[in-house]
């Protein structure tokens, strides 16, 4: 993932953007390039959640760590 994200909030914004892209791709008739784009956006969203979990652990914030875990389980 090529980004300048550094904080939990940065990764959270990127995660939301990736999921928004997935949702918009799924809302229209799909072709093979859309499916590839969707898979790439999902992969990037998962990477953001992993980064969010790691940053929450470093910050010692169990609430953020749990929220990131729930997002991964619920949304991705």
C-alpha atoms as a PDB file:
ATOM      1  CA  UNK A   1       0.000   0.000   0.000  1.00  0.00           C
ATOM      2  CA  UNK A   2       1.601   3.212  -1.136  1.00  0.00           C
ATOM      3  CA  UNK A   3       0.357   5.964   1.131  1.00  0.00           C
ATOM      4  CA  UNK A   4       1.482   8.685   3.448  1.00  0.00           C
ATOM      5  CA  UNK A   5      -0.702   7.404   6.286  1.00  0.00           C
ATOM      6  CA  UNK A   6       0.993   7.572   9.650  1.00  0.00           C
ATOM      7  CA  UNK A   7      -1.710   7.700  12.305  1.00  0.00           C
ATOM      8  CA  UNK A   8      -4.650   5.506  13.234  1.00  0.00           C
ATOM      9  CA  UNK A   9      -6.982   8.187  11.850  1.00  0.00           C
ATOM     10  CA  UNK A  10      -5.060   8.329   8.563  1.00  0.00           C
ATOM     11  CA  UNK A  11      -5.444   4.585   8.100  1.00  0.00           C
ATOM     12  CA  UNK A  12      -9.082   4.769   9.161  1.00  0.00           C
ATOM     13  CA  UNK A  13      -9.776   7.338   6.424  1.00  0.00           C
ATOM     14  CA  UNK A  14      -7.971   5.198   3.840  1.00  0.00           C
ATOM     15  CA  UNK A  15      -9.882   2.121   4.995  1.00  0.00           C
ATOM     16  CA  UNK A  16     -13.191   3.958   4.601  1.00  0.00           C
ATOM     17  CA  UNK A  17     -12.177   5.140   1.129  1.00  0.00           C
ATOM     18  CA  UNK A  18     -11.247   1.608   0.032  1.00  0.00           C
ATOM     19  CA  UNK A  19     -14.558   0.196   1.288  1.00  0.00           C
ATOM     20  CA  UNK A  20     -16.438   3.000  -0.434  1.00  0.00           C
ATOM     21  CA  UNK A  21     -14.755   2.011  -3.691  1.00  0.00           C
ATOM     22  CA  UNK A  22     -15.703  -1.633  -3.144  1.00  0.00           C
ATOM     23  CA  UNK A  23     -19.322  -0.686  -2.497  1.00  0.00           C
ATOM     24  CA  UNK A  24     -19.524   1.484  -5.606  1.00  0.00           C
ATOM     25  CA  UNK A  25     -18.005  -1.272  -7.745  1.00  0.00           C
ATOM     26  CA  UNK A  26     -20.461  -3.819  -6.376  1.00  0.00           C
ATOM     27  CA  UNK A  27     -23.402  -1.491  -6.994  1.00  0.00           C
ATOM     28  CA  UNK A  28     -22.978  -1.514 -10.769  1.00  0.00           C
ATOM     29  CA  UNK A  29     -22.821  -4.239 -13.414  1.00  0.00           C
ATOM     30  CA  UNK A  30     -19.381  -5.776 -13.133  1.00  0.00           C
ATOM     31  CA  UNK A  31     -16.790  -6.720 -15.690  1.00  0.00           C
ATOM     32  CA  UNK A  32     -13.453  -8.424 -15.107  1.00  0.00           C
ATOM     33  CA  UNK A  33     -11.567  -5.163 -14.520  1.00  0.00           C
ATOM     34  CA  UNK A  34     -14.127  -4.146 -11.884  1.00  0.00           C
ATOM     35  CA  UNK A  35     -13.635  -7.456 -10.090  1.00  0.00           C
ATOM     36  CA  UNK A  36      -9.874  -6.953 -10.094  1.00  0.00           C
ATOM     37  CA  UNK A  37     -10.290  -3.405  -8.782  1.00  0.00           C
ATOM     38  CA  UNK A  38     -12.643  -4.674  -6.104  1.00  0.00           C
ATOM     39  CA  UNK A  39     -10.153  -7.340  -4.982  1.00  0.00           C
ATOM     40  CA  UNK A  40      -7.359  -4.741  -4.848  1.00  0.00           C
ATOM     41  CA  UNK A  41      -9.504  -2.360  -2.792  1.00  0.00           C
ATOM     42  CA  UNK A  42     -10.396  -5.166  -0.358  1.00  0.00           C
ATOM     43  CA  UNK A  43      -6.736  -6.092  -0.002  1.00  0.00           C
ATOM     44  CA  UNK A  44      -5.851  -2.464   0.707  1.00  0.00           C
ATOM     45  CA  UNK A  45      -8.679  -2.192   3.249  1.00  0.00           C
ATOM     46  CA  UNK A  46      -7.339  -5.267   5.058  1.00  0.00           C
ATOM     47  CA  UNK A  47      -3.858  -3.737   5.114  1.00  0.00           C
ATOM     48  CA  UNK A  48      -5.299  -0.560   6.640  1.00  0.00           C
ATOM     49  CA  UNK A  49      -7.057  -2.552   9.361  1.00  0.00           C
ATOM     50  CA  UNK A  50      -3.823  -4.385  10.151  1.00  0.00           C
ATOM     51  CA  UNK A  51      -2.032  -1.060  10.451  1.00  0.00           C
ATOM     52  CA  UNK A  52      -4.839   0.308  12.635  1.00  0.00           C
ATOM     53  CA  UNK A  53      -4.579  -2.704  14.948  1.00  0.00           C
ATOM     54  CA  UNK A  54      -0.795  -2.334  15.199  1.00  0.00           C
ATOM     55  CA  UNK A  55      -0.961   1.383  15.902  1.00  0.00           C
ATOM     56  CA  UNK A  56      -3.667   0.875  18.522  1.00  0.00           C
ATOM     57  CA  UNK A  57      -1.479  -1.719  20.246  1.00  0.00           C
ATOM     58  CA  UNK A  58       1.516   0.639  20.183  1.00  0.00           C
ATOM     59  CA  UNK A  59      -0.641   3.456  21.570  1.00  0.00           C
ATOM     60  CA  UNK A  60      -1.935   1.091  24.240  1.00  0.00           C
ATOM     61  CA  UNK A  61      -5.546   1.785  23.258  1.00  0.00           C
ATOM     62  CA  UNK A  62      -7.568  -1.422  23.619  1.00  0.00           C
ATOM     63  CA  UNK A  63     -10.757   0.305  22.418  1.00  0.00           C
ATOM     64  CA  UNK A  64      -9.199   1.206  19.056  1.00  0.00           C
ATOM     65  CA  UNK A  65      -7.660  -2.264  18.738  1.00  0.00           C
ATOM     66  CA  UNK A  66     -11.039  -3.902  19.349  1.00  0.00           C
ATOM     67  CA  UNK A  67     -12.789  -1.525  16.947  1.00  0.00           C
ATOM     68  CA  UNK A  68     -10.288  -2.334  14.191  1.00  0.00           C
ATOM     69  CA  UNK A  69     -10.780  -6.055  14.837  1.00  0.00           C
ATOM     70  CA  UNK A  70     -14.569  -5.645  14.623  1.00  0.00           C
ATOM     71  CA  UNK A  71     -14.270  -3.728  11.373  1.00  0.00           C
ATOM     72  CA  UNK A  72     -12.207  -6.512   9.857  1.00  0.00           C
ATOM     73  CA  UNK A  73     -14.690  -9.161  10.964  1.00  0.00           C
ATOM     74  CA  UNK A  74     -17.824  -7.176  10.127  1.00  0.00           C
ATOM     75  CA  UNK A  75     -16.958  -5.200   7.009  1.00  0.00           C
ATOM     76  CA  UNK A  76     -14.198  -6.954   5.121  1.00  0.00           C
END
